[in-house]
Amino acid sequence: ENFPYNKSMFSENRLYDKGNFASLIAVSKNSGNVLESPALEEILRLNEKIINITVENGRLGFNDLCAKANGRCVSNVILEILDDKTSITYPEHQHGSSLVFLGSALGGVVTDTNSTVTSSQAVKLLYYLDNDEDLEEASKLWLRGFKALLS
């Protein structure tokens, strides 16, 4: 009653349960910085493969099944921040007009004296799916595709 769920404006903080999602934690093979090449390029390629998973003979993909806010899929904001190619402050980073908490997206972070990230050993990505009953079976199939891709 006090924290109503608005289906058209997804917010993980307003979910009544864990929700329907897939997640992964990417770690560099050589314990290096995941925010630099070649690890970052591999993470971006993997993200692209994930959002291109389709079900029902290619009829539905992540963009059809994702949880949305303002009509757009809820994204992994850390990937948007990395795409800006600016220095990243931690644990909070100013992204556009929003202050974003990165403590749940980056792990093993090293910063300089200005709280600017110099390296990170891991990045966590989340892929939230819509909880619409009409999409329930397709979402389950998409999650199976996600597991198959990462197996």
Protein backbone atom coordinates (compact mmCIF):
# COMPACT_ATOMS: atom_id res chain seq x y z
CA GLU A 1 0.00 0.00 0.00
CA ASN A 2 2.78 2.43 0.94
CA PHE A 3 5.20 1.24 -1.73
CA PRO A 4 3.00 0.46 -4.72
CA TYR A 5 4.55 -1.32 -7.68
CA ASN A 6 4.21 0.58 -10.94
CA LYS A 7 4.62 -1.88 -13.82
CA SER A 8 5.50 0.83 -16.34
CA MET A 9 8.24 2.28 -14.11
CA PHE A 10 10.40 -0.67 -13.02
CA SER A 11 12.38 -0.26 -9.82
CA GLU A 12 14.18 -3.19 -8.21
CA ASN A 13 13.73 -1.42 -4.86
CA ARG A 14 9.94 -1.77 -5.13
CA LEU A 15 9.84 -5.47 -5.98
CA TYR A 16 7.83 -7.58 -3.56
CA ASP A 17 10.14 -10.53 -4.17
CA LYS A 18 13.47 -11.04 -5.94
CA GLY A 19 11.85 -10.57 -9.32
CA ASN A 20 12.65 -12.32 -12.55
CA PHE A 21 16.26 -11.71 -13.57
CA ALA A 22 19.58 -13.16 -14.60
CA SER A 23 22.93 -11.96 -13.31
CA LEU A 24 26.59 -12.58 -13.86
CA ILE A 25 29.84 -11.53 -12.28
CA ALA A 26 32.68 -11.07 -14.75
CA VAL A 27 36.21 -11.40 -13.41
CA SER A 28 39.42 -10.93 -15.37
CA LYS A 29 41.28 -14.18 -16.10
CA ASN A 30 44.60 -12.79 -14.91
CA SER A 31 43.21 -10.94 -11.86
CA GLY A 32 43.67 -7.72 -13.80
CA ASN A 33 41.46 -4.69 -14.33
CA VAL A 34 38.07 -5.56 -15.90
CA LEU A 35 37.67 -1.92 -16.92
CA GLU A 36 40.51 -2.10 -19.46
CA SER A 37 41.25 -4.13 -22.60
CA PRO A 38 41.00 -7.00 -23.27
CA ALA A 39 38.66 -7.80 -20.34
CA LEU A 40 36.32 -4.87 -21.00
CA GLU A 41 35.88 -5.79 -24.67
CA GLU A 42 35.07 -9.37 -23.67
CA ILE A 43 32.45 -8.14 -21.17
CA LEU A 44 30.89 -5.91 -23.83
CA ARG A 45 30.81 -8.82 -26.32
CA LEU A 46 29.21 -11.06 -23.73
CA ASN A 47 26.60 -8.40 -22.91
CA GLU A 48 25.79 -8.12 -26.62
CA LYS A 49 25.34 -11.89 -26.89
CA ILE A 50 23.08 -11.86 -23.83
CA ILE A 51 20.78 -9.11 -25.05
CA ASN A 52 20.57 -10.88 -28.42
CA ILE A 53 19.26 -14.16 -26.94
CA THR A 54 15.92 -14.90 -28.58
CA VAL A 55 13.12 -17.37 -27.87
CA GLU A 56 10.03 -18.64 -29.68
CA ASN A 57 11.88 -19.09 -32.99
CA GLY A 58 13.51 -15.68 -32.79
CA ARG A 59 10.19 -13.91 -32.26
CA LEU A 60 11.01 -12.55 -28.79
CA GLY A 61 14.28 -11.19 -27.46
CA PHE A 62 15.50 -9.42 -24.37
CA ASN A 63 14.09 -6.07 -25.52
CA ASP A 64 10.63 -7.69 -25.68
CA LEU A 65 10.94 -9.41 -22.29
CA CYS A 66 12.90 -6.89 -20.21
CA ALA A 67 11.61 -4.86 -17.28
CA LYS A 68 11.11 -1.28 -18.44
CA ALA A 69 11.26 2.22 -17.03
CA ASN A 70 10.08 5.13 -19.18
CA GLY A 71 9.44 2.65 -22.01
CA ARG A 72 13.08 1.49 -22.13
CA CYS A 73 14.74 -1.66 -20.82
CA VAL A 74 16.34 -1.18 -17.42
CA SER A 75 20.01 -1.16 -18.31
CA ASN A 76 23.25 -1.99 -16.60
CA VAL A 77 24.16 1.60 -15.83
CA ILE A 78 27.81 0.62 -15.32
CA LEU A 79 28.03 -0.18 -19.06
CA GLU A 80 26.60 3.25 -19.90
CA ILE A 81 29.14 4.88 -17.59
CA LEU A 82 32.00 2.93 -19.19
CA ASP A 83 30.74 3.95 -22.63
CA ASP A 84 31.09 7.62 -21.60
CA LYS A 85 34.87 7.02 -21.39
CA THR A 86 35.20 9.40 -18.44
CA SER A 87 36.86 8.77 -15.12
CA ILE A 88 34.66 6.91 -12.63
CA THR A 89 34.27 7.89 -8.99
CA TYR A 90 33.51 5.24 -6.39
CA PRO A 91 31.35 4.29 -4.59
CA GLU A 92 29.11 7.01 -6.06
CA HIS A 93 29.40 8.38 -9.57
CA GLN A 94 27.60 11.31 -11.18
CA HIS A 95 25.97 9.97 -14.37
CA GLY A 96 23.99 12.61 -16.21
CA SER A 97 21.71 14.18 -13.62
CA SER A 98 21.78 11.11 -11.34
CA LEU A 99 24.13 10.05 -8.60
CA VAL A 100 24.65 6.31 -9.09
CA PHE A 101 25.81 3.90 -6.38
CA LEU A 102 28.38 1.53 -7.95
CA GLY A 103 29.09 -0.59 -4.88
CA SER A 104 26.82 -3.35 -6.17
CA ALA A 105 28.16 -3.21 -9.75
CA LEU A 106 31.93 -3.16 -9.23
CA GLY A 107 34.01 -5.41 -6.99
CA GLY A 108 37.63 -5.38 -5.86
CA VAL A 109 37.84 -1.67 -6.57
CA VAL A 110 41.01 0.37 -6.10
CA THR A 111 40.69 4.17 -6.07
CA ASP A 112 43.09 7.06 -5.90
CA THR A 113 42.95 9.82 -3.28
CA ASN A 114 40.15 11.57 -5.24
CA SER A 115 37.91 8.45 -5.15
CA THR A 116 38.54 7.88 -8.85
CA VAL A 117 38.60 4.23 -9.84
CA THR A 118 42.03 3.07 -10.96
CA SER A 119 41.04 -0.60 -11.28
CA SER A 120 38.29 -3.11 -10.58
CA GLN A 121 38.62 -6.89 -10.40
CA ALA A 122 34.94 -7.66 -11.11
CA VAL A 123 31.77 -6.26 -12.63
CA LYS A 124 28.26 -7.51 -11.90
CA LEU A 125 25.59 -7.28 -14.60
CA LEU A 126 21.86 -7.78 -14.04
CA TYR A 127 19.19 -8.51 -16.65
CA TYR A 128 15.70 -7.88 -15.24
CA LEU A 129 12.73 -9.41 -17.01
CA ASP A 130 9.11 -8.21 -17.00
CA ASN A 131 6.88 -10.10 -14.55
CA ASP A 132 3.91 -10.02 -16.94
CA GLU A 133 2.03 -13.36 -16.78
CA ASP A 134 1.65 -13.35 -20.58
CA LEU A 135 5.44 -13.41 -20.92
CA GLU A 136 6.12 -15.90 -18.13
CA GLU A 137 6.88 -18.90 -20.36
CA ALA A 138 8.97 -16.86 -22.80
CA SER A 139 10.93 -15.40 -19.86
CA LYS A 140 11.67 -18.90 -18.56
CA LEU A 141 12.94 -19.88 -22.02
CA TRP A 142 15.09 -16.74 -22.17
CA LEU A 143 16.60 -17.58 -18.77
CA ARG A 144 17.40 -21.08 -20.04
CA GLY A 145 19.12 -19.49 -23.04
CA PHE A 146 21.11 -17.27 -20.67
CA LYS A 147 22.22 -20.30 -18.66
CA ALA A 148 23.12 -22.19 -21.84
CA LEU A 149 25.20 -19.27 -23.13
CA LEU A 150 27.16 -19.06 -19.89
CA SER A 151 27.56 -22.81 -19.36
